[in-house]
């Protein structure tokens, strides 16, 4: 099959081995997949991953041994393949299974290919109301929804989202639905305009904002974003950390202790809720798509996705 692979460098391959499903897995024919910041970090050496990249996808179930009802269904999929037998899994913490593999990130070939394999339990059939373009955003939108499962947000709360990349824009739209006093801080007026058009207060200048936010969501992907979050959260406030950083990060732990700041790591989230939001057209994701490339031009797509100011770049397999 065709695939975009990472070995010593990123390469397009026309004859990569197609996946062979193990017990309980299905094979999905990928329609399209999105490049995200994690993919760009993986190319730079994050996680030391080797294989097929990609974890944001929509596709059609092509093989599903023992699950014929799934054949031909258009699906999205959760990226963590848990063992489902260890104590962590039995306790319901599947995304933290110590034996898990992660699609396109850790020991499992990903979605930048004609086909991928995932456990049947990871797959979610899509309603007809959701387009393929919308479906590609299910995984990052679910990650944005995770914040509301981890942090209690009330109407009176001042909430700051730092970062106007793809995830930051999704987080802001999700948090708007909580009815809080929300501000989105970023550097790119054209990106912030997407939020402003939905009635969200935005700013490009941190100095124009008064510190003392009850909750700060850090989604810049940079260590400077975390420093800024620490400056703008109130004592005994909460920082929801959506960024992952390649390499070491310096943190002033003393300030966190003195101000009694709660730091919540926030990763993967609930797919059913994300699917429902997309079905209701409650979140604008179409405006986040910047450009499309066929998989044969995958290396060019990565170069474009790494350009400053670019939002979502989509790879098309069909």
Protein backbone atom coordinates (compact mmCIF):
# COMPACT_ATOMS: atom_id res chain seq x y z
CA UNK A 1 0.00 0.00 0.00
CA UNK A 2 0.99 3.66 -0.20
CA UNK A 3 2.26 5.09 3.07
CA UNK A 4 4.12 8.04 4.55
CA UNK A 5 6.81 6.57 6.77
CA UNK A 6 9.35 7.83 9.28
CA UNK A 7 12.67 6.02 9.56
CA UNK A 8 15.81 8.13 9.52
CA UNK A 9 13.69 10.71 7.68
CA UNK A 10 10.17 11.19 6.36
CA UNK A 11 9.59 9.26 3.12
CA UNK A 12 6.75 8.35 0.78
CA UNK A 13 6.57 4.63 0.05
CA UNK A 14 4.47 2.94 -2.64
CA UNK A 15 4.90 -0.67 -1.49
CA UNK A 16 4.62 -0.60 2.28
CA UNK A 17 3.17 -3.82 3.81
CA UNK A 18 -0.58 -3.56 4.42
CA UNK A 19 -1.66 -4.26 8.02
CA UNK A 20 -2.69 -7.74 9.09
CA UNK A 21 -5.34 -7.52 11.83
CA UNK A 22 -4.87 -9.51 15.02
CA UNK A 23 -7.78 -10.94 17.01
CA UNK A 24 -10.32 -8.25 17.74
CA UNK A 25 -8.95 -5.78 15.19
CA UNK A 26 -10.44 -4.30 12.05
CA UNK A 27 -8.73 -2.96 8.94
CA UNK A 28 -9.84 0.52 7.88
CA UNK A 29 -9.35 1.96 4.40
CA UNK A 30 -8.31 5.54 5.09
CA UNK A 31 -10.14 8.30 3.19
CA UNK A 32 -8.27 11.27 4.58
CA UNK A 33 -6.12 12.16 7.57
CA UNK A 34 -4.92 15.35 9.24
CA UNK A 35 -1.39 16.42 10.11
CA UNK A 36 -1.12 17.74 13.66
CA UNK A 37 1.59 19.29 15.83
CA UNK A 38 2.43 15.89 17.34
CA UNK A 39 3.22 14.54 13.87
CA UNK A 40 5.61 17.43 13.30
CA UNK A 41 7.28 16.71 16.65
CA UNK A 42 7.63 13.02 15.81
CA UNK A 43 9.58 13.93 12.69
CA UNK A 44 11.91 15.92 14.97
CA UNK A 45 12.55 12.86 17.14
CA UNK A 46 9.74 12.97 19.71
CA UNK A 47 9.01 9.47 21.12
CA UNK A 48 11.67 7.96 18.81
CA UNK A 49 8.83 6.63 16.66
CA UNK A 50 9.49 4.70 13.46
CA UNK A 51 6.80 3.55 11.04
CA UNK A 52 3.71 5.08 9.47
CA UNK A 53 2.71 8.42 11.00
CA UNK A 54 -0.79 9.83 11.49
CA UNK A 55 -3.61 9.46 14.01
CA UNK A 56 -6.39 11.86 12.94
CA UNK A 57 -8.42 10.03 10.28
CA UNK A 58 -11.71 9.04 8.74
CA UNK A 59 -12.08 5.82 6.79
CA UNK A 60 -14.21 2.83 5.73
CA UNK A 61 -14.03 -0.53 7.51
CA UNK A 62 -12.56 -2.96 4.95
CA UNK A 63 -12.04 -6.04 7.12
CA UNK A 64 -13.66 -6.93 10.43
CA UNK A 65 -13.36 -10.62 11.29
CA UNK A 66 -16.21 -11.68 13.61
CA UNK A 67 -17.81 -8.20 13.29
CA UNK A 68 -19.56 -8.22 9.89
CA UNK A 69 -21.88 -5.42 10.94
CA UNK A 70 -18.95 -3.01 10.75
CA UNK A 71 -18.03 -3.77 7.14
CA UNK A 72 -18.49 -0.76 4.90
CA UNK A 73 -19.12 1.60 7.82
CA UNK A 74 -17.49 5.02 7.76
CA UNK A 75 -15.58 5.38 11.04
CA UNK A 76 -13.17 7.36 13.16
CA UNK A 77 -11.07 5.75 15.87
CA UNK A 78 -9.55 6.30 19.29
CA UNK A 79 -5.79 6.12 18.99
CA UNK A 80 -4.81 4.16 22.13
CA UNK A 81 -5.03 0.38 21.72
CA UNK A 82 -5.18 -0.97 25.27
CA UNK A 83 -4.65 -4.57 26.35
CA UNK A 84 -7.98 -4.48 28.28
CA UNK A 85 -6.74 -7.15 30.68
CA UNK A 86 -4.33 -5.44 33.07
CA UNK A 87 -5.36 -3.83 36.39
CA UNK A 88 -5.20 -0.34 34.84
CA UNK A 89 -7.60 -1.35 32.07
CA UNK A 90 -9.87 -3.17 34.52
CA UNK A 91 -10.04 0.07 36.51
CA UNK A 92 -11.32 1.85 33.40
CA UNK A 93 -8.17 3.84 32.62
CA UNK A 94 -7.73 2.46 29.10
CA UNK A 95 -5.78 5.44 27.75
CA UNK A 96 -3.15 4.81 30.44
CA UNK A 97 -2.73 1.08 29.89
CA UNK A 98 1.00 0.37 30.39
CA UNK A 99 0.88 -2.10 27.49
CA UNK A 100 -0.98 0.13 25.03
CA UNK A 101 0.18 0.99 21.55
CA UNK A 102 -0.76 4.33 20.02
CA UNK A 103 -1.75 4.87 16.41
CA UNK A 104 1.06 6.57 14.50
CA UNK A 105 2.84 7.52 17.73
CA UNK A 106 4.01 4.46 19.66
CA UNK A 107 4.57 0.97 18.20
CA UNK A 108 1.51 1.03 15.90
CA UNK A 109 1.51 2.12 12.26
CA UNK A 110 -0.74 5.09 11.69
CA UNK A 111 -3.20 6.73 9.32
CA UNK A 112 -0.97 8.26 6.63
CA UNK A 113 -1.48 5.19 4.48
CA UNK A 114 -4.13 3.42 2.44
CA UNK A 115 -4.99 1.15 5.38
CA UNK A 116 -4.64 1.00 9.17
CA UNK A 117 -5.59 -1.51 11.86
CA UNK A 118 -7.28 -0.79 15.19
CA UNK A 119 -9.23 -2.79 17.75
CA UNK A 120 -12.93 -2.93 16.95
CA UNK A 121 -13.66 -1.31 20.34
CA UNK A 122 -11.74 1.78 19.23
CA UNK A 123 -13.93 2.45 16.20
CA UNK A 124 -16.97 4.75 16.06
CA UNK A 125 -19.37 4.68 13.09
CA UNK A 126 -20.29 8.15 11.90
CA UNK A 127 -23.73 9.61 11.20
CA UNK A 128 -24.35 10.85 7.68
CA UNK A 129 -24.61 14.44 8.92
CA UNK A 130 -20.84 14.56 9.53
CA UNK A 131 -18.68 15.23 6.48
CA UNK A 132 -15.26 13.68 5.98
CA UNK A 133 -13.67 17.10 6.57
CA UNK A 134 -15.43 17.35 9.93
CA UNK A 135 -14.66 13.76 10.86
CA UNK A 136 -10.89 14.31 10.60
CA UNK A 137 -11.21 16.64 13.60
CA UNK A 138 -12.89 14.08 15.89
CA UNK A 139 -9.70 13.11 17.73
CA UNK A 140 -8.44 16.65 18.51
CA UNK A 141 -11.98 17.83 19.31
CA UNK A 142 -12.32 14.96 21.78
CA UNK A 143 -9.03 16.10 23.35
CA UNK A 144 -10.52 19.58 23.75
CA UNK A 145 -13.66 18.11 25.36
CA UNK A 146 -11.45 16.29 27.88
CA UNK A 147 -10.83 19.58 29.70
CA UNK A 148 -14.46 19.72 30.82
CA UNK A 149 -14.17 16.21 32.26
CA UNK A 150 -11.11 17.18 34.31
CA UNK A 151 -11.82 20.75 35.40
CA UNK A 152 -15.05 22.20 36.80
CA UNK A 153 -15.80 25.41 34.94
CA UNK A 154 -18.57 27.78 36.06
CA UNK A 155 -20.19 30.79 34.45
CA UNK A 156 -18.43 33.22 36.80
CA UNK A 157 -14.96 31.81 36.03
CA UNK A 158 -12.42 33.82 34.07
CA UNK A 159 -10.86 31.36 31.61
CA UNK A 160 -7.88 32.00 29.34
CA UNK A 161 -6.87 29.81 26.38
CA UNK A 162 -3.27 30.47 25.32
CA UNK A 163 -2.46 29.45 21.77
CA UNK A 164 -4.29 29.96 18.47
CA UNK A 165 -3.19 26.78 16.76
CA UNK A 166 -5.62 24.05 15.78
CA UNK A 167 -6.03 22.63 19.28
CA UNK A 168 -6.26 26.05 20.91
CA UNK A 169 -9.06 27.08 18.55
CA UNK A 170 -10.95 23.88 19.30
CA UNK A 171 -10.45 24.26 23.07
CA UNK A 172 -11.80 27.81 22.98
CA UNK A 173 -14.91 26.77 21.08
CA UNK A 174 -15.60 23.90 23.47
CA UNK A 175 -15.07 26.06 26.57
CA UNK A 176 -17.36 28.74 25.18
CA UNK A 177 -20.20 26.28 25.62
CA UNK A 178 -19.55 26.27 29.39
CA UNK A 179 -20.74 29.88 29.51
CA UNK A 180 -17.59 31.14 31.29
CA UNK A 181 -15.90 34.52 30.83
CA UNK A 182 -13.55 33.36 28.11
CA UNK A 183 -10.56 34.97 26.44
CA UNK A 184 -8.34 33.47 23.73
CA UNK A 185 -4.78 34.74 23.48
CA UNK A 186 -2.80 34.25 20.28
CA UNK A 187 -0.45 35.82 17.76
CA UNK A 188 -2.28 35.51 14.45
CA UNK A 189 -5.22 37.85 13.76
CA UNK A 190 -6.61 35.65 10.97
CA UNK A 191 -6.78 32.67 13.33
CA UNK A 192 -8.26 34.64 16.21
CA UNK A 193 -10.89 35.99 13.81
CA UNK A 194 -12.34 32.46 13.61
CA UNK A 195 -13.11 32.74 17.33
CA UNK A 196 -14.14 36.38 17.20
CA UNK A 197 -16.72 35.48 14.55
CA UNK A 198 -18.25 33.13 17.14
CA UNK A 199 -18.42 35.82 19.82
CA UNK A 200 -15.29 34.83 21.74
CA UNK A 201 -13.15 37.63 23.17
CA UNK A 202 -9.63 37.50 21.73
CA UNK A 203 -6.33 39.27 22.28
CA UNK A 204 -2.89 39.39 20.70
CA UNK A 205 -1.34 41.33 23.57
CA UNK A 206 -0.79 39.62 26.93
CA UNK A 207 -0.17 42.97 28.60
CA UNK A 208 -3.74 44.01 27.76
CA UNK A 209 -5.07 41.25 30.01
CA UNK A 210 -5.38 41.41 33.77
CA UNK A 211 -3.78 38.45 35.58
CA UNK A 212 -5.89 36.41 37.94
CA UNK A 213 -7.64 33.96 35.64
CA UNK A 214 -9.35 31.10 37.46
CA UNK A 215 -8.39 28.61 34.75
CA UNK A 216 -5.72 28.82 32.04
CA UNK A 217 -5.52 26.34 29.18
CA UNK A 218 -2.01 26.12 27.72
CA UNK A 219 -2.11 24.99 24.08
CA UNK A 220 0.85 26.73 22.46
CA UNK A 221 3.18 23.74 22.27
CA UNK A 222 5.99 25.96 23.57
CA UNK A 223 7.64 26.25 26.98
CA UNK A 224 7.00 29.99 26.84
CA UNK A 225 3.29 29.24 26.85
CA UNK A 226 3.57 27.43 30.17
CA UNK A 227 5.53 30.33 31.66
CA UNK A 228 2.79 32.70 30.52
CA UNK A 229 0.11 30.45 31.99
CA UNK A 230 1.85 30.59 35.37
CA UNK A 231 1.90 34.38 35.20
CA UNK A 232 -1.80 34.76 34.42
CA UNK A 233 -3.42 32.11 36.61
CA UNK A 234 -4.61 33.27 40.03
CA UNK A 235 -3.38 31.77 43.31
CA UNK A 236 -5.11 28.42 43.81
CA UNK A 237 -6.15 28.52 40.18
CA UNK A 238 -5.82 25.72 37.64
CA UNK A 239 -3.65 25.28 34.56
CA UNK A 240 -4.89 22.69 32.05
CA UNK A 241 -1.83 21.61 30.09
CA UNK A 242 -2.61 20.48 26.54
CA UNK A 243 0.91 20.97 25.12
CA UNK A 244 3.54 18.29 24.79
CA UNK A 245 7.15 19.43 24.49
CA UNK A 246 10.00 17.77 22.69
CA UNK A 247 13.01 17.85 25.00
CA UNK A 248 13.39 19.10 28.55
CA UNK A 249 11.31 21.91 30.04
CA UNK A 250 12.33 24.22 32.88
CA UNK A 251 9.54 24.87 35.37
CA UNK A 252 9.57 27.14 38.44
CA UNK A 253 8.15 24.60 40.85
CA UNK A 254 8.57 26.96 43.81
CA UNK A 255 6.05 29.41 42.33
CA UNK A 256 3.57 26.59 41.77
CA UNK A 257 3.88 25.59 45.43
CA UNK A 258 3.76 29.12 46.85
CA UNK A 259 0.65 30.02 44.82
CA UNK A 260 -0.86 26.54 45.28
CA UNK A 261 -1.48 26.14 41.56
CA UNK A 262 -3.16 22.97 40.29
CA UNK A 263 -1.62 21.69 37.04
CA UNK A 264 -3.77 19.19 35.14
CA UNK A 265 -2.26 17.23 32.30
CA UNK A 266 -4.92 16.76 29.63
CA UNK A 267 -4.62 14.38 26.71
CA UNK A 268 -7.13 12.17 24.86
CA UNK A 269 -10.85 12.67 25.31
CA UNK A 270 -14.40 11.37 24.73
CA UNK A 271 -15.14 10.51 21.08
CA UNK A 272 -18.95 10.24 21.51
CA UNK A 273 -19.17 13.82 22.76
CA UNK A 274 -16.96 15.10 19.93
CA UNK A 275 -19.06 13.24 17.36
CA UNK A 276 -22.24 14.75 18.80
CA UNK A 277 -20.79 18.28 18.59
CA UNK A 278 -19.80 17.71 14.98
CA UNK A 279 -23.22 16.27 14.17
CA UNK A 280 -24.86 19.40 15.63
CA UNK A 281 -22.41 21.63 13.70
CA UNK A 282 -21.71 23.24 17.07
CA UNK A 283 -17.97 23.63 16.39
CA UNK A 284 -16.45 25.36 13.35
CA UNK A 285 -13.76 23.03 12.03
CA UNK A 286 -14.07 23.76 8.31
CA UNK A 287 -12.34 27.14 8.77
CA UNK A 288 -9.33 25.34 10.25
CA UNK A 289 -8.49 23.46 7.02
CA UNK A 290 -5.71 25.33 5.25
CA UNK A 291 -4.69 23.03 2.41
CA UNK A 292 -5.04 19.50 1.01
CA UNK A 293 -2.40 17.22 -0.49
CA UNK A 294 -2.59 13.75 -2.05
CA UNK A 295 -0.60 11.21 -0.07
CA UNK A 296 1.96 11.04 -2.86
CA UNK A 297 2.90 14.62 -1.92
CA UNK A 298 3.06 13.82 1.78
CA UNK A 299 6.57 15.17 2.36
CA UNK A 300 5.53 18.48 0.77
CA UNK A 301 2.42 18.46 2.96
CA UNK A 302 4.61 18.18 6.08
CA UNK A 303 6.78 21.08 4.96
CA UNK A 304 3.67 23.17 4.45
CA UNK A 305 2.17 22.12 7.79
CA UNK A 306 5.39 23.20 9.54
CA UNK A 307 5.10 26.73 8.10
CA UNK A 308 4.26 29.37 10.69
CA UNK A 309 0.62 30.41 10.67
CA UNK A 310 -0.66 27.31 8.88
CA UNK A 311 -3.59 25.50 10.44
CA UNK A 312 -4.82 22.03 9.42
CA UNK A 313 -3.22 20.28 6.44
CA UNK A 314 -5.15 17.26 5.19
CA UNK A 315 -3.76 14.23 3.35
CA UNK A 316 -6.18 12.59 0.92
CA UNK A 317 -5.85 8.90 0.05
CA UNK A 318 -8.63 8.51 -2.51
